[in-house]
Amino acid sequence: MNEDSVVWNDAYSVGFEPIDTQHKELVKMTNELFESCKQGTDAADKAFLQTIKRAAEYARNHFSDEDKYMLEANFPNLNDHRKLHDDFLAVVGKAIQDFNTGSTEPFELAQFLKNWLLTHIAEADKQYAPYLAKLKD
């Protein structure tokens, strides 16, 4: 693993197993992006594009699951949280377009995804954790 890789830490846990499992998968995909950046240019670009598209699709499904759980748990900031997800997907969609036209470097995009993911989990997702804890009872 390189220095840019993400290591899962229980501090990122929201205490709700289905969501934590999905977050761990997103961390794994982020690490795959960094690994693809270390390959030769053509191989890196191809691996990166495949991984980023897979990660974006996985994120869409993950966000849908989060929405479902937050709705079920009566999380009061659901609409604000949904907007964070929508904004992120729009940025990633634009970044994929920029990557395809050569105006975004793979490493920059991987760095952005890493920072967004860790910040989002540590700040925004932690806000719904107490509400989802009630679903376990």
N, C-alpha and C. Protein backbone atom coordinates (compact mmCIF):
# COMPACT_ATOMS: atom_id res chain seq x y z
N MET A 1 0.83 -1.18 0.00
CA MET A 1 0.00 0.00 0.00
C MET A 1 0.87 1.25 0.00
N ASN A 2 0.46 2.26 -0.76
CA ASN A 2 1.26 3.48 -0.76
C ASN A 2 0.73 4.45 0.29
N GLU A 3 1.45 5.56 0.43
CA GLU A 3 1.11 6.51 1.49
C GLU A 3 -0.24 7.19 1.27
N ASP A 4 -0.79 7.11 0.07
CA ASP A 4 -2.08 7.73 -0.20
C ASP A 4 -3.24 6.79 0.09
N SER A 5 -2.95 5.54 0.32
CA SER A 5 -4.00 4.56 0.59
C SER A 5 -4.74 4.90 1.87
N VAL A 6 -5.96 4.45 1.90
CA VAL A 6 -6.81 4.65 3.07
C VAL A 6 -6.81 3.36 3.87
N VAL A 7 -6.60 3.48 5.15
CA VAL A 7 -6.69 2.34 6.04
C VAL A 7 -7.95 2.52 6.87
N TRP A 8 -8.84 1.53 6.82
CA TRP A 8 -10.09 1.62 7.59
C TRP A 8 -9.74 1.68 9.07
N ASN A 9 -10.43 2.57 9.74
CA ASN A 9 -10.23 2.77 11.16
C ASN A 9 -11.62 2.74 11.78
N ASP A 10 -11.76 2.09 12.92
CA ASP A 10 -13.08 2.02 13.56
C ASP A 10 -13.65 3.39 13.90
N ALA A 11 -12.82 4.41 13.90
CA ALA A 11 -13.32 5.77 14.12
C ALA A 11 -14.27 6.19 12.99
N TYR A 12 -14.15 5.54 11.82
CA TYR A 12 -15.04 5.84 10.70
C TYR A 12 -16.38 5.12 10.82
N SER A 13 -16.48 4.19 11.72
CA SER A 13 -17.70 3.39 11.85
C SER A 13 -18.87 4.25 12.29
N VAL A 14 -20.02 4.00 11.64
CA VAL A 14 -21.26 4.66 12.09
C VAL A 14 -22.04 3.72 13.01
N GLY A 15 -21.50 2.53 13.26
CA GLY A 15 -22.12 1.60 14.19
C GLY A 15 -23.32 0.86 13.63
N PHE A 16 -23.46 0.87 12.31
CA PHE A 16 -24.57 0.19 11.65
C PHE A 16 -23.94 -0.67 10.56
N GLU A 17 -23.91 -1.98 10.78
CA GLU A 17 -23.13 -2.91 9.97
C GLU A 17 -23.35 -2.80 8.46
N PRO A 18 -24.60 -2.71 7.97
CA PRO A 18 -24.76 -2.64 6.52
C PRO A 18 -24.05 -1.42 5.90
N ILE A 19 -24.12 -0.30 6.58
CA ILE A 19 -23.48 0.92 6.07
C ILE A 19 -21.97 0.85 6.24
N ASP A 20 -21.50 0.36 7.39
CA ASP A 20 -20.05 0.22 7.59
C ASP A 20 -19.44 -0.70 6.55
N THR A 21 -20.12 -1.77 6.21
CA THR A 21 -19.62 -2.69 5.18
C THR A 21 -19.49 -1.98 3.84
N GLN A 22 -20.49 -1.18 3.50
CA GLN A 22 -20.44 -0.44 2.24
C GLN A 22 -19.33 0.61 2.27
N HIS A 23 -19.17 1.28 3.40
CA HIS A 23 -18.09 2.27 3.51
C HIS A 23 -16.72 1.59 3.32
N LYS A 24 -16.56 0.42 3.89
CA LYS A 24 -15.29 -0.31 3.74
C LYS A 24 -15.05 -0.65 2.26
N GLU A 25 -16.09 -0.99 1.54
CA GLU A 25 -15.95 -1.28 0.11
C GLU A 25 -15.56 -0.03 -0.66
N LEU A 26 -16.13 1.12 -0.29
CA LEU A 26 -15.75 2.38 -0.94
C LEU A 26 -14.28 2.72 -0.65
N VAL A 27 -13.84 2.45 0.56
CA VAL A 27 -12.42 2.64 0.91
C VAL A 27 -11.55 1.74 0.04
N LYS A 28 -11.97 0.48 -0.11
CA LYS A 28 -11.22 -0.47 -0.93
C LYS A 28 -11.12 0.03 -2.38
N MET A 29 -12.22 0.54 -2.91
CA MET A 29 -12.22 1.04 -4.28
C MET A 29 -11.31 2.27 -4.41
N THR A 30 -11.31 3.11 -3.40
CA THR A 30 -10.44 4.28 -3.41
C THR A 30 -8.98 3.82 -3.47
N ASN A 31 -8.66 2.81 -2.70
CA ASN A 31 -7.29 2.27 -2.72
C ASN A 31 -6.95 1.67 -4.08
N GLU A 32 -7.93 1.04 -4.72
CA GLU A 32 -7.70 0.51 -6.07
C GLU A 32 -7.39 1.62 -7.05
N LEU A 33 -8.02 2.78 -6.87
CA LEU A 33 -7.74 3.92 -7.74
C LEU A 33 -6.29 4.37 -7.58
N PHE A 34 -5.83 4.45 -6.33
CA PHE A 34 -4.44 4.83 -6.11
C PHE A 34 -3.48 3.80 -6.70
N GLU A 35 -3.82 2.52 -6.57
CA GLU A 35 -2.96 1.47 -7.13
C GLU A 35 -2.90 1.58 -8.65
N SER A 36 -4.03 1.89 -9.29
CA SER A 36 -4.03 2.01 -10.75
C SER A 36 -3.20 3.21 -11.20
N CYS A 37 -3.09 4.22 -10.35
CA CYS A 37 -2.28 5.39 -10.69
C CYS A 37 -0.79 5.05 -10.78
N LYS A 38 -0.38 3.97 -10.13
CA LYS A 38 1.03 3.60 -10.10
C LYS A 38 1.45 2.79 -11.33
N GLN A 39 0.50 2.34 -12.13
CA GLN A 39 0.81 1.55 -13.32
C GLN A 39 1.29 2.48 -14.44
N GLY A 40 1.71 1.89 -15.54
CA GLY A 40 2.09 2.68 -16.71
C GLY A 40 0.90 3.50 -17.21
N THR A 41 1.14 4.54 -17.94
CA THR A 41 0.10 5.51 -18.30
C THR A 41 -1.14 4.87 -18.94
N ASP A 42 -0.97 4.11 -20.01
CA ASP A 42 -2.14 3.53 -20.68
C ASP A 42 -2.88 2.55 -19.77
N ALA A 43 -2.13 1.68 -19.11
CA ALA A 43 -2.75 0.72 -18.19
C ALA A 43 -3.42 1.44 -17.04
N ALA A 44 -2.77 2.47 -16.52
CA ALA A 44 -3.33 3.22 -15.40
C ALA A 44 -4.63 3.89 -15.81
N ASP A 45 -4.63 4.52 -16.97
CA ASP A 45 -5.83 5.22 -17.43
C ASP A 45 -7.00 4.25 -17.61
N LYS A 46 -6.71 3.11 -18.22
CA LYS A 46 -7.78 2.12 -18.44
C LYS A 46 -8.29 1.56 -17.11
N ALA A 47 -7.39 1.17 -16.24
CA ALA A 47 -7.78 0.63 -14.93
C ALA A 47 -8.51 1.68 -14.12
N PHE A 48 -8.01 2.90 -14.18
CA PHE A 48 -8.61 3.98 -13.42
C PHE A 48 -10.04 4.24 -13.88
N LEU A 49 -10.23 4.33 -15.19
CA LEU A 49 -11.57 4.61 -15.73
C LEU A 49 -12.55 3.50 -15.36
N GLN A 50 -12.13 2.25 -15.45
CA GLN A 50 -13.01 1.14 -15.07
C GLN A 50 -13.36 1.22 -13.59
N THR A 51 -12.36 1.50 -12.76
CA THR A 51 -12.59 1.54 -11.32
C THR A 51 -13.45 2.72 -10.92
N ILE A 52 -13.20 3.88 -11.51
CA ILE A 52 -13.98 5.07 -11.13
C ILE A 52 -15.44 4.90 -11.53
N LYS A 53 -15.69 4.29 -12.66
CA LYS A 53 -17.09 4.07 -13.07
C LYS A 53 -17.77 3.07 -12.13
N ARG A 54 -17.04 2.02 -11.76
CA ARG A 54 -17.58 1.03 -10.83
C ARG A 54 -17.82 1.67 -9.45
N ALA A 55 -16.90 2.51 -9.02
CA ALA A 55 -17.04 3.19 -7.73
C ALA A 55 -18.22 4.15 -7.74
N ALA A 56 -18.40 4.86 -8.84
CA ALA A 56 -19.53 5.80 -8.94
C ALA A 56 -20.86 5.05 -8.87
N GLU A 57 -20.94 3.93 -9.56
CA GLU A 57 -22.17 3.12 -9.52
C GLU A 57 -22.40 2.56 -8.11
N TYR A 58 -21.34 2.09 -7.49
CA TYR A 58 -21.44 1.57 -6.13
C TYR A 58 -21.88 2.68 -5.17
N ALA A 59 -21.33 3.88 -5.35
CA ALA A 59 -21.70 5.02 -4.50
C ALA A 59 -23.18 5.35 -4.67
N ARG A 60 -23.68 5.32 -5.91
CA ARG A 60 -25.12 5.59 -6.13
C ARG A 60 -25.98 4.59 -5.35
N ASN A 61 -25.62 3.32 -5.43
CA ASN A 61 -26.37 2.29 -4.70
C ASN A 61 -26.24 2.48 -3.19
N HIS A 62 -25.04 2.80 -2.74
CA HIS A 62 -24.80 3.04 -1.32
C HIS A 62 -25.63 4.22 -0.83
N PHE A 63 -25.64 5.31 -1.59
CA PHE A 63 -26.41 6.49 -1.19
C PHE A 63 -27.90 6.16 -1.12
N SER A 64 -28.36 5.34 -2.04
CA SER A 64 -29.77 4.93 -2.03
C SER A 64 -30.07 4.14 -0.75
N ASP A 65 -29.17 3.24 -0.38
CA ASP A 65 -29.35 2.47 0.86
C ASP A 65 -29.33 3.39 2.08
N GLU A 66 -28.37 4.32 2.10
CA GLU A 66 -28.31 5.27 3.22
C GLU A 66 -29.61 6.05 3.33
N ASP A 67 -30.12 6.52 2.20
CA ASP A 67 -31.38 7.27 2.20
C ASP A 67 -32.50 6.44 2.80
N LYS A 68 -32.56 5.17 2.39
CA LYS A 68 -33.61 4.28 2.89
C LYS A 68 -33.52 4.14 4.41
N TYR A 69 -32.32 3.90 4.91
CA TYR A 69 -32.14 3.75 6.36
C TYR A 69 -32.42 5.05 7.11
N MET A 70 -31.96 6.17 6.55
CA MET A 70 -32.21 7.45 7.22
C MET A 70 -33.71 7.77 7.27
N LEU A 71 -34.42 7.45 6.20
CA LEU A 71 -35.86 7.65 6.17
C LEU A 71 -36.55 6.77 7.21
N GLU A 72 -36.16 5.52 7.25
CA GLU A 72 -36.72 4.58 8.21
C GLU A 72 -36.44 5.01 9.66
N ALA A 73 -35.28 5.63 9.87
CA ALA A 73 -34.88 6.05 11.22
C ALA A 73 -35.35 7.46 11.56
N ASN A 74 -36.10 8.08 10.65
CA ASN A 74 -36.60 9.44 10.86
C ASN A 74 -35.47 10.45 11.10
N PHE A 75 -34.42 10.34 10.34
CA PHE A 75 -33.30 11.28 10.45
C PHE A 75 -33.78 12.66 9.98
N PRO A 76 -33.72 13.67 10.83
CA PRO A 76 -34.31 14.98 10.49
C PRO A 76 -33.57 15.74 9.39
N ASN A 77 -32.33 15.44 9.12
CA ASN A 77 -31.58 16.16 8.10
C ASN A 77 -31.44 15.38 6.80
N LEU A 78 -32.39 14.52 6.54
CA LEU A 78 -32.34 13.65 5.36
C LEU A 78 -32.16 14.44 4.07
N ASN A 79 -32.94 15.50 3.89
CA ASN A 79 -32.86 16.25 2.63
C ASN A 79 -31.49 16.90 2.44
N ASP A 80 -30.93 17.44 3.51
CA ASP A 80 -29.59 18.03 3.42
C ASP A 80 -28.55 16.96 3.08
N HIS A 81 -28.70 15.79 3.68
CA HIS A 81 -27.75 14.71 3.43
C HIS A 81 -27.88 14.23 1.98
N ARG A 82 -29.10 14.14 1.49
CA ARG A 82 -29.32 13.74 0.10
C ARG A 82 -28.64 14.72 -0.85
N LYS A 83 -28.71 16.01 -0.51
CA LYS A 83 -28.09 17.04 -1.36
C LYS A 83 -26.58 16.84 -1.41
N LEU A 84 -25.95 16.46 -0.29
CA LEU A 84 -24.52 16.18 -0.29
C LEU A 84 -24.20 15.04 -1.27
N HIS A 85 -25.04 14.02 -1.26
CA HIS A 85 -24.85 12.88 -2.16
C HIS A 85 -25.02 13.31 -3.62
N ASP A 86 -26.07 14.07 -3.88
CA ASP A 86 -26.34 14.52 -5.25
C ASP A 86 -25.19 15.40 -5.76
N ASP A 87 -24.71 16.30 -4.91
CA ASP A 87 -23.60 17.18 -5.29
C ASP A 87 -22.35 16.36 -5.59
N PHE A 88 -22.09 15.36 -4.76
CA PHE A 88 -20.92 14.51 -4.96
C PHE A 88 -21.01 13.77 -6.30
N LEU A 89 -22.17 13.18 -6.58
CA LEU A 89 -22.33 12.44 -7.83
C LEU A 89 -22.17 13.36 -9.04
N ALA A 90 -22.63 14.59 -8.93
CA ALA A 90 -22.46 15.55 -10.02
C ALA A 90 -20.98 15.87 -10.23
N VAL A 91 -20.25 16.06 -9.14
CA VAL A 91 -18.82 16.36 -9.23
C VAL A 91 -18.07 15.17 -9.83
N VAL A 92 -18.41 13.97 -9.39
CA VAL A 92 -17.74 12.77 -9.92
C VAL A 92 -18.07 12.59 -11.41
N GLY A 93 -19.31 12.82 -11.78
CA GLY A 93 -19.68 12.73 -13.19
C GLY A 93 -18.88 13.70 -14.04
N LYS A 94 -18.74 14.92 -13.56
CA LYS A 94 -17.94 15.93 -14.28
C LYS A 94 -16.47 15.52 -14.31
N ALA A 95 -15.97 14.98 -13.20
CA ALA A 95 -14.57 14.56 -13.13
C ALA A 95 -14.28 13.43 -14.11
N ILE A 96 -15.24 12.52 -14.28
CA ILE A 96 -15.07 11.43 -15.25
C ILE A 96 -15.02 12.02 -16.66
N GLN A 97 -15.89 12.97 -16.94
CA GLN A 97 -15.85 13.64 -18.25
C GLN A 97 -14.50 14.33 -18.45
N ASP A 98 -14.04 15.04 -17.41
CA ASP A 98 -12.75 15.74 -17.50
C ASP A 98 -11.61 14.75 -17.70
N PHE A 99 -11.70 13.62 -17.04
CA PHE A 99 -10.67 12.59 -17.20
C PHE A 99 -10.65 12.10 -18.65
N ASN A 100 -11.84 11.87 -19.20
CA ASN A 100 -11.94 11.39 -20.59
C ASN A 100 -11.37 12.38 -21.59
N THR A 101 -11.41 13.67 -21.27
CA THR A 101 -10.87 14.69 -22.18
C THR A 101 -9.44 15.07 -21.83
N GLY A 102 -8.90 14.44 -20.78
CA GLY A 102 -7.50 14.68 -20.42
C GLY A 102 -7.28 15.88 -19.53
N SER A 103 -8.35 16.49 -19.01
CA SER A 103 -8.17 17.69 -18.18
C SER A 103 -8.15 17.39 -16.68
N THR A 104 -8.27 16.13 -16.29
CA THR A 104 -8.12 15.73 -14.89
C THR A 104 -7.15 14.56 -14.84
N GLU A 105 -6.19 14.65 -13.95
CA GLU A 105 -5.23 13.57 -13.75
C GLU A 105 -5.82 12.52 -12.81
N PRO A 106 -5.54 11.25 -13.05
CA PRO A 106 -6.07 10.20 -12.18
C PRO A 106 -5.74 10.41 -10.70
N PHE A 107 -4.52 10.81 -10.41
CA PHE A 107 -4.12 10.97 -9.02
C PHE A 107 -4.92 12.07 -8.34
N GLU A 108 -5.18 13.18 -9.06
CA GLU A 108 -5.97 14.28 -8.50
C GLU A 108 -7.37 13.80 -8.14
N LEU A 109 -7.96 13.03 -9.03
CA LEU A 109 -9.31 12.52 -8.81
C LEU A 109 -9.33 11.53 -7.65
N ALA A 110 -8.34 10.65 -7.59
CA ALA A 110 -8.26 9.69 -6.48
C ALA A 110 -8.11 10.43 -5.15
N GLN A 111 -7.29 11.47 -5.14
CA GLN A 111 -7.07 12.28 -3.93
C GLN A 111 -8.38 12.95 -3.50
N PHE A 112 -9.11 13.52 -4.47
CA PHE A 112 -10.40 14.15 -4.18
C PHE A 112 -11.36 13.14 -3.57
N LEU A 113 -11.46 11.95 -4.18
CA LEU A 113 -12.37 10.92 -3.69
C LEU A 113 -12.02 10.48 -2.27
N LYS A 114 -10.75 10.30 -2.03
CA LYS A 114 -10.30 9.92 -0.69
C LYS A 114 -10.70 10.98 0.33
N ASN A 115 -10.38 12.23 0.04
CA ASN A 115 -10.69 13.31 0.98
C ASN A 115 -12.20 13.46 1.20
N TRP A 116 -12.97 13.38 0.11
CA TRP A 116 -14.41 13.52 0.24
C TRP A 116 -14.98 12.38 1.08
N LEU A 117 -14.57 11.17 0.75
CA LEU A 117 -15.10 9.99 1.44
C LEU A 117 -14.83 10.06 2.94
N LEU A 118 -13.60 10.32 3.31
CA LEU A 118 -13.25 10.33 4.73
C LEU A 118 -13.92 11.48 5.47
N THR A 119 -13.99 12.64 4.85
CA THR A 119 -14.66 13.78 5.47
C THR A 119 -16.15 13.52 5.59
N HIS A 120 -16.74 12.98 4.52
CA HIS A 120 -18.18 12.71 4.53
C HIS A 120 -18.55 11.70 5.61
N ILE A 121 -17.80 10.63 5.71
CA ILE A 121 -18.09 9.62 6.73
C ILE A 121 -17.89 10.20 8.13
N ALA A 122 -16.76 10.87 8.33
CA ALA A 122 -16.42 11.38 9.67
C ALA A 122 -17.34 12.49 10.14
N GLU A 123 -17.87 13.27 9.21
CA GLU A 123 -18.70 14.42 9.61
C GLU A 123 -20.18 14.19 9.33
N ALA A 124 -20.54 14.06 8.06
CA ALA A 124 -21.95 13.98 7.70
C ALA A 124 -22.60 12.67 8.14
N ASP A 125 -21.92 11.54 7.87
CA ASP A 125 -22.54 10.26 8.21
C ASP A 125 -22.62 10.03 9.71
N LYS A 126 -21.69 10.58 10.45
CA LYS A 126 -21.73 10.43 11.92
C LYS A 126 -22.99 11.09 12.49
N GLN A 127 -23.56 12.06 11.79
CA GLN A 127 -24.75 12.75 12.28
C GLN A 127 -25.97 11.82 12.31
N TYR A 128 -26.03 10.88 11.40
CA TYR A 128 -27.19 9.98 11.40
C TYR A 128 -26.97 8.73 12.24
N ALA A 129 -25.75 8.50 12.68
CA ALA A 129 -25.43 7.28 13.44
C ALA A 129 -26.37 7.03 14.62
N PRO A 130 -26.66 8.03 15.47
CA PRO A 130 -27.56 7.75 16.60
C PRO A 130 -28.97 7.34 16.16
N TYR A 131 -29.39 7.83 15.01
CA TYR A 131 -30.73 7.49 14.51
C TYR A 131 -30.76 6.05 13.99
N LEU A 132 -29.69 5.67 13.29
CA LEU A 132 -29.63 4.30 12.77
C LEU A 132 -29.45 3.29 13.90
N ALA A 133 -28.85 3.71 14.98
CA ALA A 133 -28.68 2.80 16.14
C ALA A 133 -30.03 2.32 16.65
N LYS A 134 -31.05 3.15 16.49
CA LYS A 134 -32.40 2.77 16.92
C LYS A 134 -32.99 1.66 16.06
N LEU A 135 -32.50 1.53 14.81
CA LEU A 135 -33.01 0.50 13.92
C LEU A 135 -32.53 -0.89 14.34
N LYS A 136 -31.45 -0.93 15.08
CA LYS A 136 -30.90 -2.23 15.51
C LYS A 136 -31.70 -2.82 16.65
N ASP A 137 -32.43 -2.00 17.36
CA ASP A 137 -33.18 -2.49 18.54
C ASP A 137 -34.38 -3.33 18.16
